[in-house]
C-alpha atoms as a PDB file:
ATOM      1  CA  UNK A   1      21.297  25.531 -31.134  1.00  0.00           C
ATOM      2  CA  UNK A   2      20.580  22.470 -33.258  1.00  0.00           C
ATOM      3  CA  UNK A   3      17.135  20.577 -33.205  1.00  0.00           C
ATOM      4  CA  UNK A   4      18.159  17.731 -31.499  1.00  0.00           C
ATOM      5  CA  UNK A   5      20.195  19.945 -28.721  1.00  0.00           C
ATOM      6  CA  UNK A   6      17.255  21.544 -28.150  1.00  0.00           C
ATOM      7  CA  UNK A   7      15.225  18.547 -27.644  1.00  0.00           C
ATOM      8  CA  UNK A   8      17.252  17.039 -25.449  1.00  0.00           C
ATOM      9  CA  UNK A   9      17.459  19.890 -23.148  1.00  0.00           C
ATOM     10  CA  UNK A  10      13.434  20.299 -23.582  1.00  0.00           C
ATOM     11  CA  UNK A  11      13.376  16.681 -22.414  1.00  0.00           C
ATOM     12  CA  UNK A  12      15.941  17.416 -19.747  1.00  0.00           C
ATOM     13  CA  UNK A  13      14.205  20.222 -18.172  1.00  0.00           C
ATOM     14  CA  UNK A  14      10.570  18.446 -18.603  1.00  0.00           C
ATOM     15  CA  UNK A  15      11.659  15.505 -16.705  1.00  0.00           C
ATOM     16  CA  UNK A  16      13.149  17.612 -13.904  1.00  0.00           C
ATOM     17  CA  UNK A  17       9.720  19.836 -13.736  1.00  0.00           C
ATOM     18  CA  UNK A  18       7.973  16.240 -13.326  1.00  0.00           C
ATOM     19  CA  UNK A  19      10.875  14.636 -10.486  1.00  0.00           C
ATOM     20  CA  UNK A  20      10.373  18.142  -8.359  1.00  0.00           C
ATOM     21  CA  UNK A  21       6.481  18.166  -8.753  1.00  0.00           C
ATOM     22  CA  UNK A  22       6.851  14.293  -7.653  1.00  0.00           C
ATOM     23  CA  UNK A  23       9.022  15.500  -4.694  1.00  0.00           C
ATOM     24  CA  UNK A  24       6.335  18.480  -3.732  1.00  0.00           C
ATOM     25  CA  UNK A  25       3.344  15.976  -4.006  1.00  0.00           C
ATOM     26  CA  UNK A  26       5.098  13.065  -1.698  1.00  0.00           C
ATOM     27  CA  UNK A  27       6.344  16.090   0.831  1.00  0.00           C
ATOM     28  CA  UNK A  28       2.348  17.025   1.347  1.00  0.00           C
ATOM     29  CA  UNK A  29       0.928  13.562   1.611  1.00  0.00           C
ATOM     30  CA  UNK A  30       3.240  13.451   5.026  1.00  0.00           C
ATOM     31  CA  UNK A  31       2.708  16.598   7.230  1.00  0.00           C
ATOM     32  CA  UNK A  32       4.152  15.104  10.597  1.00  0.00           C
ATOM     33  CA  UNK A  33       0.470  14.717  11.061  1.00  0.00           C
ATOM     34  CA  UNK A  34      -0.281  12.576  15.168  1.00  0.00           C
ATOM     35  CA  UNK A  35      -3.471  10.568  16.373  1.00  0.00           C
ATOM     36  CA  UNK A  36      -5.023   8.549  18.395  1.00  0.00           C
ATOM     37  CA  UNK A  37      -7.168   6.618  15.478  1.00  0.00           C
ATOM     38  CA  UNK A  38      -7.563   6.603  11.868  1.00  0.00           C
ATOM     39  CA  UNK A  39      -7.521   4.828   8.442  1.00  0.00           C
ATOM     40  CA  UNK A  40      -5.516   4.106   5.368  1.00  0.00           C
ATOM     41  CA  UNK A  41      -6.703   3.595   1.928  1.00  0.00           C
ATOM     42  CA  UNK A  42      -3.983   1.841  -0.500  1.00  0.00           C
ATOM     43  CA  UNK A  43      -4.729   1.232  -4.229  1.00  0.00           C
ATOM     44  CA  UNK A  44      -4.285  -2.541  -5.184  1.00  0.00           C
ATOM     45  CA  UNK A  45      -4.211  -5.315  -7.655  1.00  0.00           C
ATOM     46  CA  UNK A  46      -4.141  -8.948  -8.358  1.00  0.00           C
ATOM     47  CA  UNK A  47      -5.040 -10.841 -11.458  1.00  0.00           C
ATOM     48  CA  UNK A  48      -2.927 -12.415 -14.531  1.00  0.00           C
ATOM     49  CA  UNK A  49      -2.880 -10.837 -18.028  1.00  0.00           C
ATOM     50  CA  UNK A  50      -0.508 -11.068 -21.248  1.00  0.00           C
ATOM     51  CA  UNK A  51      -2.016 -14.696 -21.988  1.00  0.00           C
ATOM     52  CA  UNK A  52      -1.623 -15.931 -17.922  1.00  0.00           C
ATOM     53  CA  UNK A  53       1.883 -15.639 -18.503  1.00  0.00           C
ATOM     54  CA  UNK A  54       2.218 -12.511 -16.062  1.00  0.00           C
ATOM     55  CA  UNK A  55       0.786 -12.046 -12.475  1.00  0.00           C
ATOM     56  CA  UNK A  56       0.030  -8.335 -11.268  1.00  0.00           C
ATOM     57  CA  UNK A  57      -0.250  -8.518  -7.705  1.00  0.00           C
ATOM     58  CA  UNK A  58       0.653  -5.721  -4.212  1.00  0.00           C
ATOM     59  CA  UNK A  59       1.913  -5.830  -0.995  1.00  0.00           C
ATOM     60  CA  UNK A  60       1.402  -3.515   1.262  1.00  0.00           C
ATOM     61  CA  UNK A  61       3.851  -1.845   3.374  1.00  0.00           C
ATOM     62  CA  UNK A  62       2.959  -0.680   7.156  1.00  0.00           C
ATOM     63  CA  UNK A  63       5.654   1.483   9.279  1.00  0.00           C
ATOM     64  CA  UNK A  64       4.992   3.340  12.705  1.00  0.00           C
ATOM     65  CA  UNK A  65       7.155   5.801  12.143  1.00  0.00           C
ATOM     66  CA  UNK A  66       7.249   7.210  15.813  1.00  0.00           C
ATOM     67  CA  UNK A  67       9.901   7.228  18.314  1.00  0.00           C
ATOM     68  CA  UNK A  68       7.792   6.366  20.625  1.00  0.00           C
ATOM     69  CA  UNK A  69       4.441   4.610  21.134  1.00  0.00           C
ATOM     70  CA  UNK A  70       2.951   1.449  19.868  1.00  0.00           C
ATOM     71  CA  UNK A  71       0.162   1.680  16.935  1.00  0.00           C
ATOM     72  CA  UNK A  72      -2.662  -1.396  16.659  1.00  0.00           C
ATOM     73  CA  UNK A  73      -3.754  -2.669  13.232  1.00  0.00           C
ATOM     74  CA  UNK A  74      -7.236  -3.204  14.224  1.00  0.00           C
ATOM     75  CA  UNK A  75      -8.705  -4.173  10.963  1.00  0.00           C
ATOM     76  CA  UNK A  76      -7.662  -4.690   7.027  1.00  0.00           C
ATOM     77  CA  UNK A  77     -11.013  -5.076   4.278  1.00  0.00           C
ATOM     78  CA  UNK A  78     -10.251  -5.601   0.905  1.00  0.00           C
ATOM     79  CA  UNK A  79     -12.594  -3.747  -1.281  1.00  0.00           C
ATOM     80  CA  UNK A  80     -13.200  -4.256  -5.489  1.00  0.00           C
ATOM     81  CA  UNK A  81     -13.783  -1.602  -8.354  1.00  0.00           C
ATOM     82  CA  UNK A  82     -17.331  -2.243  -7.132  1.00  0.00           C
ATOM     83  CA  UNK A  83     -17.375  -1.352  -3.932  1.00  0.00           C
ATOM     84  CA  UNK A  84     -17.878  -4.761  -2.760  1.00  0.00           C
ATOM     85  CA  UNK A  85     -16.426  -6.319   0.320  1.00  0.00           C
ATOM     86  CA  UNK A  86     -13.840  -9.031  -0.549  1.00  0.00           C
ATOM     87  CA  UNK A  87     -11.914  -9.377   2.515  1.00  0.00           C
ATOM     88  CA  UNK A  88     -12.841  -8.171   6.370  1.00  0.00           C
ATOM     89  CA  UNK A  89     -10.771  -8.877   9.301  1.00  0.00           C
ATOM     90  CA  UNK A  90     -13.229  -8.649  11.636  1.00  0.00           C
ATOM     91  CA  UNK A  91     -15.199 -11.529  10.413  1.00  0.00           C
ATOM     92  CA  UNK A  92     -11.368 -14.153   9.028  1.00  0.00           C
ATOM     93  CA  UNK A  93      -9.482 -12.404  11.885  1.00  0.00           C
ATOM     94  CA  UNK A  94      -6.237 -10.256  11.529  1.00  0.00           C
ATOM     95  CA  UNK A  95      -3.756 -12.188   9.107  1.00  0.00           C
ATOM     96  CA  UNK A  96      -0.148 -12.408  10.289  1.00  0.00           C
ATOM     97  CA  UNK A  97       1.893 -10.326   8.234  1.00  0.00           C
ATOM     98  CA  UNK A  98       4.323 -12.153   5.779  1.00  0.00           C
ATOM     99  CA  UNK A  99       7.458 -11.191   8.355  1.00  0.00           C
ATOM    100  CA  UNK A 100       5.268 -12.106  11.099  1.00  0.00           C
ATOM    101  CA  UNK A 101       5.519  -8.851  12.921  1.00  0.00           C
ATOM    102  CA  UNK A 102       1.673  -8.398  12.908  1.00  0.00           C
ATOM    103  CA  UNK A 103      -1.153 -11.679  13.699  1.00  0.00           C
ATOM    104  CA  UNK A 104      -4.055 -11.633  15.204  1.00  0.00           C
ATOM    105  CA  UNK A 105      -2.417 -12.648  18.632  1.00  0.00           C
ATOM    106  CA  UNK A 106      -0.256  -9.137  18.363  1.00  0.00           C
ATOM    107  CA  UNK A 107      -1.487  -6.635  16.441  1.00  0.00           C
ATOM    108  CA  UNK A 108       0.725  -3.731  17.967  1.00  0.00           C
ATOM    109  CA  UNK A 109       3.658  -1.951  15.855  1.00  0.00           C
ATOM    110  CA  UNK A 110       6.500  -1.138  17.708  1.00  0.00           C
ATOM    111  CA  UNK A 111       8.373   2.306  17.119  1.00  0.00           C
ATOM    112  CA  UNK A 112       9.849   1.839  13.977  1.00  0.00           C
ATOM    113  CA  UNK A 113       8.689  -1.399  12.997  1.00  0.00           C
ATOM    114  CA  UNK A 114       7.333  -2.268   9.916  1.00  0.00           C
ATOM    115  CA  UNK A 115       5.154  -5.214   8.422  1.00  0.00           C
ATOM    116  CA  UNK A 116       4.005  -6.444   5.002  1.00  0.00           C
ATOM    117  CA  UNK A 117       1.337  -8.022   3.510  1.00  0.00           C
ATOM    118  CA  UNK A 118       0.620  -9.683   0.237  1.00  0.00           C
ATOM    119  CA  UNK A 119      -2.744  -9.109  -1.667  1.00  0.00           C
ATOM    120  CA  UNK A 120      -2.691 -13.052  -2.294  1.00  0.00           C
ATOM    121  CA  UNK A 121      -2.627 -14.054   1.061  1.00  0.00           C
ATOM    122  CA  UNK A 122      -5.719 -11.660   1.697  1.00  0.00           C
ATOM    123  CA  UNK A 123      -7.805 -12.604  -1.345  1.00  0.00           C
ATOM    124  CA  UNK A 124      -8.014 -14.771  -4.696  1.00  0.00           C
ATOM    125  CA  UNK A 125      -7.210 -13.541  -7.911  1.00  0.00           C
ATOM    126  CA  UNK A 126      -9.719 -11.065  -9.622  1.00  0.00           C
ATOM    127  CA  UNK A 127     -11.197 -10.480 -12.887  1.00  0.00           C
ATOM    128  CA  UNK A 128     -11.238  -7.670 -14.964  1.00  0.00           C
ATOM    129  CA  UNK A 129     -14.391  -5.975 -13.766  1.00  0.00           C
ATOM    130  CA  UNK A 130     -13.758  -6.419 -10.250  1.00  0.00           C
ATOM    131  CA  UNK A 131     -10.172  -4.198 -10.254  1.00  0.00           C
ATOM    132  CA  UNK A 132      -8.570  -2.275  -9.232  1.00  0.00           C
ATOM    133  CA  UNK A 133      -8.975  -2.854  -5.452  1.00  0.00           C
ATOM    134  CA  UNK A 134      -8.876  -0.551  -2.702  1.00  0.00           C
ATOM    135  CA  UNK A 135      -7.535  -1.679   1.040  1.00  0.00           C
ATOM    136  CA  UNK A 136      -8.388  -0.038   3.910  1.00  0.00           C
ATOM    137  CA  UNK A 137      -6.152  -0.053   7.497  1.00  0.00           C
ATOM    138  CA  UNK A 138      -7.606   0.906  10.660  1.00  0.00           C
ATOM    139  CA  UNK A 139      -5.698   1.563  13.907  1.00  0.00           C
ATOM    140  CA  UNK A 140      -5.670   3.115  16.683  1.00  0.00           C
ATOM    141  CA  UNK A 141      -2.827   4.394  19.430  1.00  0.00           C
ATOM    142  CA  UNK A 142      -2.708   4.885  23.073  1.00  0.00           C
ATOM    143  CA  UNK A 143      -1.659   8.640  22.843  1.00  0.00           C
ATOM    144  CA  UNK A 144      -1.358  10.764  20.079  1.00  0.00           C
ATOM    145  CA  UNK A 145       1.487   9.799  17.863  1.00  0.00           C
ATOM    146  CA  UNK A 146       2.833  10.011  14.080  1.00  0.00           C
ATOM    147  CA  UNK A 147      -0.121   8.124  11.996  1.00  0.00           C
ATOM    148  CA  UNK A 148       0.315   5.140  10.393  1.00  0.00           C
ATOM    149  CA  UNK A 149       2.417   5.170   7.208  1.00  0.00           C
ATOM    150  CA  UNK A 150       1.629   2.801   4.133  1.00  0.00           C
ATOM    151  CA  UNK A 151       2.806   2.361   0.515  1.00  0.00           C
ATOM    152  CA  UNK A 152       1.785  -0.135  -1.871  1.00  0.00           C
ATOM    153  CA  UNK A 153       4.067  -1.584  -4.184  1.00  0.00           C
ATOM    154  CA  UNK A 154       2.481  -3.663  -7.201  1.00  0.00           C
ATOM    155  CA  UNK A 155       5.051  -6.326  -9.051  1.00  0.00           C
ATOM    156  CA  UNK A 156       4.871  -7.625 -12.271  1.00  0.00           C
ATOM    157  CA  UNK A 157       6.024 -10.970 -12.578  1.00  0.00           C
ATOM    158  CA  UNK A 158       6.044 -13.837 -15.105  1.00  0.00           C
ATOM    159  CA  UNK A 159       4.197 -16.796 -14.039  1.00  0.00           C
ATOM    160  CA  UNK A 160       3.817 -20.270 -16.057  1.00  0.00           C
ATOM    161  CA  UNK A 161       0.189 -20.270 -17.176  1.00  0.00           C
ATOM    162  CA  UNK A 162       0.232 -24.045 -17.191  1.00  0.00           C
ATOM    163  CA  UNK A 163       1.987 -25.135 -13.562  1.00  0.00           C
ATOM    164  CA  UNK A 164       1.413 -21.620 -12.208  1.00  0.00           C
ATOM    165  CA  UNK A 165       4.938 -21.108 -11.245  1.00  0.00           C
ATOM    166  CA  UNK A 166       6.122 -17.555 -10.467  1.00  0.00           C
ATOM    167  CA  UNK A 167       9.448 -16.673 -12.270  1.00  0.00           C
ATOM    168  CA  UNK A 168      11.139 -13.589 -12.670  1.00  0.00           C
ATOM    169  CA  UNK A 169       9.971 -10.216 -11.766  1.00  0.00           C
ATOM    170  CA  UNK A 170       9.081  -7.630 -14.862  1.00  0.00           C
ATOM    171  CA  UNK A 171       8.389  -4.430 -13.066  1.00  0.00           C
ATOM    172  CA  UNK A 172       7.921  -2.745  -9.690  1.00  0.00           C
ATOM    173  CA  UNK A 173       5.783   0.186  -9.157  1.00  0.00           C
ATOM    174  CA  UNK A 174       4.722   2.155  -5.817  1.00  0.00           C
ATOM    175  CA  UNK A 175       2.142   4.261  -4.616  1.00  0.00           C
ATOM    176  CA  UNK A 176       1.471   5.719  -1.314  1.00  0.00           C
ATOM    177  CA  UNK A 177      -1.117   5.420   0.748  1.00  0.00           C
ATOM    178  CA  UNK A 178      -3.991   7.944   1.963  1.00  0.00           C
ATOM    179  CA  UNK A 179      -5.164   9.070   5.004  1.00  0.00           C
ATOM    180  CA  UNK A 180      -8.751   9.180   4.891  1.00  0.00           C
ATOM    181  CA  UNK A 181      -9.642   9.232   8.863  1.00  0.00           C
ATOM    182  CA  UNK A 182      -7.531  10.577  11.376  1.00  0.00           C
ATOM    183  CA  UNK A 183      -8.704  11.503  15.211  1.00  0.00           C
ATOM    184  CA  UNK A 184      -6.396  13.730  17.014  1.00  0.00           C
ATOM    185  CA  UNK A 185      -7.408  13.100  20.524  1.00  0.00           C
ATOM    186  CA  UNK A 186      -9.523  10.516  22.160  1.00  0.00           C
ATOM    187  CA  UNK A 187     -12.808  12.544  23.685  1.00  0.00           C
ATOM    188  CA  UNK A 188     -13.962  11.269  27.208  1.00  0.00           C
END
């Protein structure tokens, strides 16, 4: 075999192995665990770079993947890289989600509902020494239900450094959020 052919085949095999491992890790993150209370932690970012011509920011997609039962979003917190609290909905109130599904008046995600929060609606842009960010979502349910599902979607978008007008998207990346607390049943 030619060296180029061997290199191409090796690249395909390595890519397949990496993709296969990604599927294994994604499946391991969701083992259909049920609970009545929990917390999710997600990464995040919100800053300008490249001479202030690009803005990076996160959007959090929250999903109730259960067929039955409401999941209540009780608290949202955002921390900077140093662990300092930047936002706490216990202080400022639960913000209205971008699609209007969640708010201070209605904090319940019904079966199969989804809601999204933009980091820009929670905090101001961050400097180099205060990022990356961490968002924490605390939830409860009336009865054991599949735990709240969440993903962080980071986008890179053009921004005019003079006017602040946001332009076309340059890139997008998503990462799963991690369950950091899960209470399986209420203790009376």
